[in-house]
N, C-alpha and C. Protein backbone atom coordinates (compact mmCIF):
# COMPACT_ATOMS: atom_id res chain seq x y z
N MET A 1 -21.21 -3.64 -7.11
CA MET A 1 -19.93 -3.91 -7.85
C MET A 1 -18.61 -4.89 -7.50
N LYS A 2 -18.66 -5.84 -7.64
CA LYS A 2 -17.35 -6.85 -7.20
C LYS A 2 -16.09 -5.79 -7.48
N GLY A 3 -15.52 -6.41 -5.96
CA GLY A 3 -14.01 -6.07 -5.64
C GLY A 3 -13.33 -7.27 -5.69
N TYR A 4 -11.81 -6.68 -6.57
CA TYR A 4 -11.31 -7.72 -6.66
C TYR A 4 -9.72 -7.34 -6.11
N VAL A 5 -8.95 -8.38 -5.91
CA VAL A 5 -7.45 -7.94 -5.39
C VAL A 5 -6.32 -7.94 -6.32
N GLN A 6 -5.93 -6.59 -5.91
CA GLN A 6 -4.55 -6.14 -7.36
C GLN A 6 -3.42 -6.31 -6.35
N VAL A 7 -2.23 -6.43 -7.21
CA VAL A 7 -0.93 -6.38 -6.35
C VAL A 7 -0.27 -5.76 -7.65
N TYR A 8 0.44 -4.60 -6.54
CA TYR A 8 1.35 -3.83 -7.47
C TYR A 8 2.52 -4.26 -7.14
N THR A 9 3.75 -5.08 -7.85
CA THR A 9 5.00 -5.63 -6.74
C THR A 9 6.25 -5.26 -7.93
N GLY A 10 7.51 -5.72 -7.44
CA GLY A 10 8.56 -5.49 -8.46
C GLY A 10 9.42 -4.61 -8.03
N ASN A 11 10.73 -4.41 -8.60
CA ASN A 11 11.74 -3.31 -8.42
C ASN A 11 11.72 -2.47 -9.17
N GLY A 12 10.71 -1.83 -9.95
CA GLY A 12 10.61 -0.68 -10.58
C GLY A 12 10.12 0.20 -10.12
N LYS A 13 10.07 1.59 -10.21
CA LYS A 13 9.48 3.04 -9.55
C LYS A 13 7.93 3.31 -10.07
N GLY A 14 7.19 3.47 -9.20
CA GLY A 14 5.61 3.29 -9.61
C GLY A 14 4.64 2.62 -9.18
N LYS A 15 4.76 1.85 -8.16
CA LYS A 15 3.79 1.00 -7.57
C LYS A 15 2.86 1.66 -6.51
N THR A 16 3.51 2.65 -5.85
CA THR A 16 2.59 3.39 -4.93
C THR A 16 1.95 4.48 -5.95
N THR A 17 2.14 5.11 -6.87
CA THR A 17 1.85 6.02 -7.65
C THR A 17 1.04 5.33 -8.75
N ALA A 18 0.64 4.22 -8.60
CA ALA A 18 -0.32 3.60 -9.81
C ALA A 18 -1.63 3.12 -8.96
N ALA A 19 -1.17 3.10 -7.45
CA ALA A 19 -2.52 3.05 -6.20
C ALA A 19 -3.06 4.22 -6.18
N ILE A 20 -1.98 5.32 -5.77
CA ILE A 20 -2.81 6.28 -5.75
C ILE A 20 -3.42 6.91 -7.50
N GLY A 21 -3.05 6.56 -8.15
CA GLY A 21 -4.13 6.99 -9.10
C GLY A 21 -5.16 6.02 -9.45
N LEU A 22 -5.19 5.03 -9.09
CA LEU A 22 -6.42 4.31 -8.74
C LEU A 22 -7.48 4.74 -8.06
N ALA A 23 -6.59 5.40 -6.97
CA ALA A 23 -7.67 6.27 -5.53
C ALA A 23 -8.18 6.89 -6.11
N MET A 24 -7.27 8.03 -6.97
CA MET A 24 -8.30 8.95 -7.97
C MET A 24 -9.28 8.56 -8.63
N ARG A 25 -9.05 7.90 -9.58
CA ARG A 25 -9.90 7.33 -10.42
C ARG A 25 -11.38 6.90 -9.71
N ALA A 26 -10.98 6.32 -8.26
CA ALA A 26 -12.47 5.83 -7.77
C ALA A 26 -13.14 6.85 -7.40
N VAL A 27 -12.39 8.03 -6.32
CA VAL A 27 -12.95 9.26 -5.94
C VAL A 27 -13.68 9.77 -7.37
N GLY A 28 -13.22 10.07 -8.60
CA GLY A 28 -13.98 10.30 -9.48
C GLY A 28 -15.23 9.92 -9.32
N ALA A 29 -15.27 8.48 -9.71
CA ALA A 29 -16.72 7.83 -9.78
C ALA A 29 -17.30 7.74 -8.51
N GLY A 30 -16.76 8.37 -7.21
CA GLY A 30 -17.59 8.74 -5.92
C GLY A 30 -17.66 7.74 -5.26
N LEU A 31 -16.63 6.74 -5.28
CA LEU A 31 -16.13 6.10 -4.41
C LEU A 31 -15.56 6.66 -3.15
N LYS A 32 -15.31 5.87 -1.81
CA LYS A 32 -14.31 6.11 -0.37
C LYS A 32 -13.51 5.06 -0.74
N VAL A 33 -12.19 5.89 -0.39
CA VAL A 33 -10.85 4.92 -0.19
C VAL A 33 -10.18 5.30 1.25
N TYR A 34 -9.83 4.10 1.53
CA TYR A 34 -8.82 3.87 2.44
C TYR A 34 -7.38 3.66 2.09
N ILE A 35 -6.23 4.58 2.29
CA ILE A 35 -4.76 3.93 1.85
C ILE A 35 -4.20 3.76 3.37
N ALA A 36 -3.60 2.69 3.51
CA ALA A 36 -2.87 2.39 4.44
C ALA A 36 -1.38 2.48 4.15
N GLN A 37 -0.44 3.15 4.43
CA GLN A 37 1.01 3.17 4.33
C GLN A 37 2.00 2.27 5.10
N PHE A 38 2.13 1.26 4.81
CA PHE A 38 3.12 0.79 6.28
C PHE A 38 4.79 1.04 5.77
N VAL A 39 5.46 0.96 6.90
CA VAL A 39 6.75 1.04 6.69
C VAL A 39 6.99 2.52 6.44
N LYS A 40 6.23 3.25 5.37
CA LYS A 40 6.49 4.47 5.51
C LYS A 40 6.03 5.69 6.87
N GLY A 41 6.53 6.50 7.37
CA GLY A 41 6.34 7.79 8.30
C GLY A 41 6.49 8.85 7.97
N MET A 42 7.43 9.09 6.66
CA MET A 42 7.76 10.47 6.41
C MET A 42 6.51 11.03 5.31
N HIS A 43 7.01 12.46 5.57
CA HIS A 43 6.25 13.31 4.71
C HIS A 43 6.42 12.75 2.90
N TYR A 44 5.18 12.75 2.19
CA TYR A 44 5.90 12.61 0.80
C TYR A 44 4.49 13.36 0.08
N SER A 45 5.09 14.05 -0.89
CA SER A 45 4.30 14.96 -1.98
C SER A 45 2.67 14.53 -1.86
N GLU A 46 2.74 13.36 -2.31
CA GLU A 46 1.34 12.71 -2.61
C GLU A 46 0.40 13.18 -1.22
N LEU A 47 1.17 13.07 -0.40
CA LEU A 47 0.07 13.36 1.16
C LEU A 47 -0.80 14.55 0.90
N ASN A 48 0.37 15.71 0.29
CA ASN A 48 -0.43 17.11 0.26
C ASN A 48 -1.57 16.85 -0.79
N THR A 49 -1.58 16.23 -1.52
CA THR A 49 -2.81 15.92 -2.89
C THR A 49 -3.90 15.57 -2.13
N LEU A 50 -3.14 14.24 -1.33
CA LEU A 50 -4.62 13.27 -1.07
C LEU A 50 -5.17 14.54 -0.32
N GLU A 51 -4.35 15.22 0.88
CA GLU A 51 -5.40 15.80 1.90
C GLU A 51 -5.89 16.57 1.37
N ARG A 52 -6.12 16.98 -0.01
CA ARG A 52 -7.41 17.75 -1.03
C ARG A 52 -8.76 17.27 -0.58
N PHE A 53 -8.49 15.87 -0.57
CA PHE A 53 -9.33 14.64 -0.85
C PHE A 53 -9.99 14.22 0.44
N LYS A 54 -9.73 14.97 1.56
CA LYS A 54 -9.88 13.85 2.64
C LYS A 54 -11.53 13.28 3.07
N HIS A 55 -12.22 13.94 2.39
CA HIS A 55 -13.56 13.37 2.71
C HIS A 55 -13.73 12.25 2.07
N GLU A 56 -13.10 12.47 1.16
CA GLU A 56 -13.16 10.74 0.04
C GLU A 56 -12.14 9.63 0.48
N ILE A 57 -10.85 10.36 0.35
CA ILE A 57 -9.58 9.12 0.80
C ILE A 57 -9.53 9.26 2.15
N THR A 58 -9.26 8.70 3.11
CA THR A 58 -8.22 8.71 4.41
C THR A 58 -7.47 8.03 4.29
N VAL A 59 -6.09 8.80 4.98
CA VAL A 59 -4.69 8.45 4.47
C VAL A 59 -3.84 7.83 5.82
N LYS A 60 -3.86 6.58 6.06
CA LYS A 60 -2.89 6.42 7.49
C LYS A 60 -1.50 5.95 7.21
N GLN A 61 -0.29 6.24 8.05
CA GLN A 61 0.87 6.07 7.86
C GLN A 61 0.93 5.21 9.03
N PHE A 62 1.44 4.29 8.68
CA PHE A 62 1.92 2.88 9.97
C PHE A 62 3.05 2.52 10.01
N GLY A 63 4.19 3.62 9.87
CA GLY A 63 5.50 3.36 10.03
C GLY A 63 6.35 4.85 10.81
N ARG A 64 7.28 4.42 11.20
CA ARG A 64 7.94 5.43 11.96
C ARG A 64 9.04 6.47 11.51
N GLY A 65 9.36 5.94 9.84
CA GLY A 65 10.02 6.93 8.74
C GLY A 65 10.50 5.74 8.03
N CYS A 66 11.64 5.13 7.79
CA CYS A 66 11.69 4.53 6.67
C CYS A 66 13.43 3.70 7.05
N PHE A 67 12.85 2.34 7.29
CA PHE A 67 14.40 1.71 7.57
C PHE A 67 14.71 0.76 6.64
N ILE A 68 14.44 0.87 5.63
CA ILE A 68 14.24 -0.28 4.37
C ILE A 68 15.90 -0.60 4.37
N TYR A 69 16.85 -0.19 4.84
CA TYR A 69 18.12 -0.35 4.78
C TYR A 69 18.45 -1.06 6.01
N LYS A 70 18.10 -1.18 7.04
CA LYS A 70 17.94 -1.54 8.09
C LYS A 70 17.55 -3.05 8.95
N THR A 71 17.74 -3.11 9.90
CA THR A 71 16.82 -3.94 10.71
C THR A 71 15.36 -2.97 11.83
N PRO A 72 14.48 -4.05 11.02
CA PRO A 72 13.23 -2.97 11.74
C PRO A 72 13.40 -3.16 13.38
N LYS A 73 13.04 -2.20 14.20
CA LYS A 73 12.91 -2.18 15.60
C LYS A 73 11.54 -2.74 16.04
N GLN A 74 11.50 -3.15 17.27
CA GLN A 74 10.39 -3.32 18.26
C GLN A 74 9.06 -2.68 17.67
N GLU A 75 9.16 -1.07 17.64
CA GLU A 75 8.24 -0.25 17.64
C GLU A 75 7.93 0.21 16.26
N ASP A 76 8.60 -0.65 15.26
CA ASP A 76 8.48 -0.60 13.52
C ASP A 76 7.46 -1.76 13.33
N ILE A 77 7.36 -2.95 14.47
CA ILE A 77 6.82 -4.24 14.17
C ILE A 77 5.61 -4.35 14.90
N ASP A 78 5.45 -2.86 16.40
CA ASP A 78 4.38 -2.51 16.79
C ASP A 78 3.10 -2.04 15.87
N ALA A 79 3.89 -0.84 15.30
CA ALA A 79 3.20 0.06 13.89
C ALA A 79 2.32 -0.64 13.03
N ALA A 80 3.23 -1.55 12.73
CA ALA A 80 2.61 -2.34 11.54
C ALA A 80 1.85 -3.17 11.98
N LYS A 81 1.82 -3.82 13.18
CA LYS A 81 0.43 -4.64 13.73
C LYS A 81 -0.89 -3.77 14.14
N MET A 82 -0.12 -2.61 14.59
CA MET A 82 -1.46 -2.05 14.85
C MET A 82 -2.51 -1.39 13.77
N GLY A 83 -1.49 -1.01 12.29
CA GLY A 83 -1.66 -0.31 11.21
C GLY A 83 -2.83 -1.65 10.92
N PHE A 84 -2.38 -3.08 10.77
CA PHE A 84 -2.67 -3.69 10.19
C PHE A 84 -4.30 -4.24 11.25
N GLN A 85 -4.05 -4.24 12.34
CA GLN A 85 -5.51 -4.19 12.67
C GLN A 85 -6.70 -3.45 12.41
N GLU A 86 -5.83 -1.54 12.06
CA GLU A 86 -7.16 -1.05 11.79
C GLU A 86 -7.47 -1.25 10.22
N VAL A 87 -6.56 -1.84 9.62
CA VAL A 87 -6.93 -2.28 7.89
C VAL A 87 -8.27 -3.23 7.80
N LYS A 88 -8.06 -3.85 8.54
CA LYS A 88 -9.05 -5.00 8.77
C LYS A 88 -9.98 -4.50 9.51
N GLU A 89 -10.31 -3.44 10.32
CA GLU A 89 -11.61 -3.05 10.47
C GLU A 89 -12.09 -1.81 9.22
N ALA A 90 -11.03 -1.10 8.68
CA ALA A 90 -11.53 -0.54 7.71
C ALA A 90 -12.34 -1.30 6.28
N VAL A 91 -12.03 -2.49 6.20
CA VAL A 91 -11.86 -3.57 5.26
C VAL A 91 -13.30 -4.00 5.29
N ASN A 92 -13.70 -4.20 6.66
CA ASN A 92 -15.10 -4.75 7.00
C ASN A 92 -15.93 -3.87 7.33
N SER A 93 -15.50 -2.62 7.52
CA SER A 93 -16.71 -1.36 7.67
C SER A 93 -17.67 -1.22 7.03
N GLY A 94 -17.80 -1.50 5.63
CA GLY A 94 -18.79 -1.26 4.75
C GLY A 94 -18.80 0.40 4.34
N GLU A 95 -17.76 0.95 4.88
CA GLU A 95 -17.75 2.61 4.39
C GLU A 95 -16.79 2.64 3.39
N TYR A 96 -15.45 1.79 2.93
CA TYR A 96 -14.76 1.76 1.93
C TYR A 96 -14.93 0.80 0.92
N ASN A 97 -14.85 1.79 -0.50
CA ASN A 97 -14.90 0.69 -1.53
C ASN A 97 -13.60 -0.05 -2.18
N LEU A 98 -12.41 1.18 -1.91
CA LEU A 98 -11.57 0.56 -2.42
C LEU A 98 -10.27 0.90 -1.06
N VAL A 99 -9.78 -0.16 -0.50
CA VAL A 99 -8.47 -0.09 0.43
C VAL A 99 -7.05 -0.67 -0.40
N VAL A 100 -6.10 0.34 -0.05
CA VAL A 100 -4.93 0.40 -0.59
C VAL A 100 -4.06 -0.27 0.79
N LEU A 101 -3.23 -1.10 0.80
CA LEU A 101 -2.20 -1.72 1.43
C LEU A 101 -0.97 -1.33 1.24
N ASP A 102 -0.45 -0.08 1.02
CA ASP A 102 1.06 0.43 0.27
C ASP A 102 1.81 0.08 1.36
N GLU A 103 2.80 -0.65 0.51
CA GLU A 103 4.14 -1.48 0.81
C GLU A 103 3.76 -2.62 1.95
N ILE A 104 2.58 -3.07 1.87
CA ILE A 104 2.50 -3.68 2.81
C ILE A 104 3.60 -5.62 2.74
N ASN A 105 3.78 -5.28 1.55
CA ASN A 105 4.75 -6.59 0.57
C ASN A 105 5.98 -6.29 1.30
N ILE A 106 6.35 -4.95 1.77
CA ILE A 106 7.73 -4.73 2.33
C ILE A 106 7.42 -5.01 4.15
N ALA A 107 6.48 -4.93 4.49
CA ALA A 107 6.14 -5.32 5.71
C ALA A 107 5.95 -6.95 6.02
N LEU A 108 5.71 -7.61 5.16
CA LEU A 108 5.81 -9.29 5.17
C LEU A 108 7.49 -9.37 5.13
N TYR A 109 7.73 -8.64 3.68
CA TYR A 109 9.08 -9.26 3.88
C TYR A 109 10.30 -9.11 4.86
N TYR A 110 9.52 -7.75 5.78
CA TYR A 110 10.66 -7.96 7.30
C TYR A 110 9.83 -8.14 8.48
N ASN A 111 8.71 -8.96 8.22
CA ASN A 111 8.01 -10.20 9.06
C ASN A 111 7.43 -8.65 10.15
N LEU A 112 7.00 -8.21 9.36
CA LEU A 112 5.99 -7.10 10.53
C LEU A 112 4.73 -7.57 10.46
N ILE A 113 4.34 -8.35 9.72
CA ILE A 113 3.09 -8.50 9.90
C ILE A 113 2.86 -10.04 9.54
N PRO A 114 2.42 -10.94 10.03
CA PRO A 114 2.51 -12.54 9.41
C PRO A 114 1.25 -12.79 8.56
N LEU A 115 2.40 -13.41 7.14
CA LEU A 115 1.49 -13.45 6.01
C LEU A 115 0.19 -14.07 6.27
N GLU A 116 0.31 -14.86 7.10
CA GLU A 116 -0.88 -15.78 7.04
C GLU A 116 -2.39 -14.50 7.72
N GLU A 117 -2.14 -13.67 8.23
CA GLU A 117 -3.17 -12.88 8.62
C GLU A 117 -3.58 -12.13 7.02
N VAL A 118 -2.79 -11.80 6.40
CA VAL A 118 -2.52 -11.04 5.44
C VAL A 118 -3.70 -11.75 4.12
N LEU A 119 -3.44 -13.06 4.26
CA LEU A 119 -4.22 -13.96 3.34
C LEU A 119 -5.40 -14.51 3.96
N GLN A 120 -5.79 -14.48 4.81
CA GLN A 120 -6.75 -14.16 5.74
C GLN A 120 -7.70 -13.06 5.27
N LEU A 121 -7.01 -11.95 5.12
CA LEU A 121 -7.78 -10.75 5.13
C LEU A 121 -8.61 -10.92 3.69
N ILE A 122 -7.51 -11.40 2.40
CA ILE A 122 -7.90 -11.54 1.23
C ILE A 122 -9.12 -12.51 1.25
N ASP A 123 -8.70 -13.42 2.07
CA ASP A 123 -9.96 -14.74 1.82
C ASP A 123 -11.35 -14.32 2.54
N GLU A 124 -11.60 -13.50 3.61
CA GLU A 124 -12.54 -12.92 4.39
C GLU A 124 -12.89 -11.34 3.75
N LYS A 125 -12.57 -10.97 3.20
CA LYS A 125 -12.90 -9.23 2.44
C LYS A 125 -13.99 -9.56 1.76
N PRO A 126 -14.91 -8.59 2.08
CA PRO A 126 -16.22 -8.07 1.79
C PRO A 126 -16.07 -8.02 0.02
N ASP A 127 -17.33 -8.65 -0.70
CA ASP A 127 -17.16 -8.82 -1.84
C ASP A 127 -17.12 -7.66 -2.60
N ASP A 128 -17.52 -6.35 -2.25
CA ASP A 128 -17.57 -5.35 -2.89
C ASP A 128 -16.47 -4.45 -2.40
N VAL A 129 -15.77 -4.85 -1.94
CA VAL A 129 -14.27 -4.13 -1.72
C VAL A 129 -12.79 -4.58 -2.59
N GLU A 130 -12.23 -3.44 -3.50
CA GLU A 130 -11.66 -3.77 -4.27
C GLU A 130 -10.69 -3.86 -2.97
N LEU A 131 -8.98 -4.40 -3.31
CA LEU A 131 -8.02 -4.17 -2.38
C LEU A 131 -6.74 -4.44 -3.21
N VAL A 132 -5.73 -3.36 -2.62
CA VAL A 132 -4.81 -3.03 -3.50
C VAL A 132 -3.25 -3.45 -2.48
N LEU A 133 -2.49 -4.44 -3.07
CA LEU A 133 -1.49 -4.79 -2.26
C LEU A 133 -0.33 -4.17 -2.84
N THR A 134 0.64 -3.03 -2.40
CA THR A 134 2.00 -2.58 -3.26
C THR A 134 2.86 -3.38 -2.37
N GLY A 135 4.29 -3.22 -3.12
CA GLY A 135 5.49 -2.91 -2.48
C GLY A 135 6.21 -4.53 -3.23
N ARG A 136 7.54 -4.21 -3.14
CA ARG A 136 8.56 -5.11 -3.98
C ARG A 136 8.35 -6.47 -2.69
N TYR A 137 8.81 -7.40 -3.55
CA TYR A 137 8.93 -8.68 -2.66
C TYR A 137 7.47 -9.29 -2.46
N ALA A 138 6.66 -9.19 -3.56
CA ALA A 138 5.07 -10.00 -3.17
C ALA A 138 5.58 -11.37 -3.14
N PRO A 139 5.06 -11.75 -1.95
CA PRO A 139 4.71 -13.52 -1.65
C PRO A 139 4.28 -14.15 -2.89
N SER A 140 4.65 -15.33 -2.89
CA SER A 140 3.95 -15.99 -3.95
C SER A 140 2.73 -16.35 -3.86
N GLU A 141 2.43 -16.44 -2.53
CA GLU A 141 0.99 -16.87 -1.91
C GLU A 141 0.43 -15.71 -2.25
N ILE A 142 0.51 -14.67 -2.41
CA ILE A 142 -0.36 -13.27 -2.14
C ILE A 142 -0.18 -13.32 -4.17
N ILE A 143 0.73 -13.84 -4.56
CA ILE A 143 0.49 -13.35 -6.13
C ILE A 143 -0.76 -14.54 -6.58
N GLU A 144 -0.37 -15.69 -5.68
CA GLU A 144 -1.68 -17.01 -6.71
C GLU A 144 -2.93 -15.99 -6.24
N LYS A 145 -3.28 -15.96 -4.79
CA LYS A 145 -4.75 -15.47 -4.50
C LYS A 145 -5.02 -14.33 -5.33
N ALA A 146 -4.34 -13.28 -5.68
CA ALA A 146 -4.72 -11.81 -6.41
C ALA A 146 -5.12 -12.12 -7.63
N ASP A 147 -6.06 -11.48 -8.10
CA ASP A 147 -7.06 -11.40 -9.67
C ASP A 147 -5.93 -10.58 -10.42
N LEU A 148 -5.21 -9.68 -10.37
CA LEU A 148 -4.37 -8.57 -10.91
C LEU A 148 -3.11 -8.93 -10.22
N VAL A 149 -2.01 -8.92 -11.08
CA VAL A 149 -0.70 -8.37 -10.72
C VAL A 149 -0.15 -7.82 -11.96
N THR A 150 0.69 -6.75 -11.20
CA THR A 150 1.42 -5.89 -12.29
C THR A 150 2.75 -5.96 -11.63
N GLU A 151 4.04 -6.41 -12.40
CA GLU A 151 5.01 -6.27 -12.38
C GLU A 151 6.03 -5.22 -12.56
N MET A 152 6.55 -3.69 -12.04
CA MET A 152 7.11 -2.78 -12.30
C MET A 152 8.49 -3.41 -12.21
N LYS A 153 9.10 -3.45 -13.73
CA LYS A 153 10.40 -3.88 -13.74
C LYS A 153 11.33 -2.64 -14.10
N GLU A 154 12.47 -2.38 -13.40
CA GLU A 154 13.39 -1.27 -13.63
C GLU A 154 13.90 -1.44 -14.82
N ILE A 155 14.02 -1.09 -15.62
CA ILE A 155 14.93 -1.08 -16.94
C ILE A 155 16.45 -0.26 -16.51
N LYS A 156 16.09 0.85 -16.36
CA LYS A 156 16.84 2.03 -16.32
C LYS A 156 16.64 2.69 -15.24
N HIS A 157 17.10 3.18 -14.33
CA HIS A 157 16.91 4.30 -13.32
C HIS A 157 18.04 5.02 -12.81
N TYR A 158 17.81 6.63 -12.86
CA TYR A 158 18.86 7.85 -12.96
C TYR A 158 19.26 7.40 -11.22
N TYR A 159 18.60 6.87 -10.33
CA TYR A 159 19.13 6.80 -8.96
C TYR A 159 21.04 6.40 -8.96
N THR A 160 21.19 5.57 -10.27
CA THR A 160 22.35 4.71 -10.64
C THR A 160 23.48 5.61 -11.05
N LYS A 161 22.89 7.00 -11.40
CA LYS A 161 23.89 8.12 -11.64
C LYS A 161 24.08 9.31 -10.32
N ASN A 162 23.59 8.34 -8.90
CA ASN A 162 23.41 9.22 -7.69
C ASN A 162 22.14 10.43 -7.73
N VAL A 163 21.44 10.33 -8.41
CA VAL A 163 20.19 11.66 -8.39
C VAL A 163 19.79 10.94 -7.10
N GLU A 164 19.36 11.93 -6.42
CA GLU A 164 18.55 11.93 -5.50
C GLU A 164 17.19 12.29 -5.64
N ALA A 165 16.10 11.88 -4.64
CA ALA A 165 14.84 11.84 -4.96
C ALA A 165 14.73 13.30 -5.04
N ARG A 166 13.73 14.07 -5.53
CA ARG A 166 13.49 14.78 -5.84
C ARG A 166 12.08 15.31 -5.51
N VAL A 167 11.59 15.99 -4.84
CA VAL A 167 10.33 16.90 -4.42
C VAL A 167 9.08 16.99 -5.41
N GLY A 168 8.47 15.73 -5.69
CA GLY A 168 7.03 16.49 -6.20
C GLY A 168 7.28 15.28 -7.68
N ILE A 169 8.60 13.99 -7.87
CA ILE A 169 8.70 13.36 -8.30
C ILE A 169 9.22 11.92 -7.79
N GLU A 170 9.84 11.86 -7.08
CA GLU A 170 10.03 11.01 -6.15
C GLU A 170 9.49 11.15 -4.82
N LYS A 171 9.19 11.95 -4.21
CA LYS A 171 9.11 12.20 -2.91
C LYS A 171 8.10 13.56 -2.87
């Protein structure tokens, strides 16, 4: 099966959820999945579900927490670079049919990983690997290379009414 490049971006909710939904569909079809979460290092409820599929889905977090509204530290940069090296190995291992780079666009936005390296990964990925890149602020160069781009657009969100993230829904 030919693998394509998908991008889920935009300021709306649902980018990671869409990627995990695709991962679940892939597992249902007997495919193997690798999910790399950049920037994220905290525990989210979806990790509990994905743990149930640990023989079909490998999940790795390459973040120390969440610094989205702060300046990244050297440790954040080091974690992202280490994670990206592992992703390159996973993409080229022949073991995985679907590789998700969750929040890679945020890692790029904060210059944790050079854009040129991600573009090279896209160019050199094996033909049978589906690659999914998520996160706000997808660079135009990535959008141009992608085969499918979905923008999540926020129309209305209850965060504006000070609703905190709820377990099982947002975290």
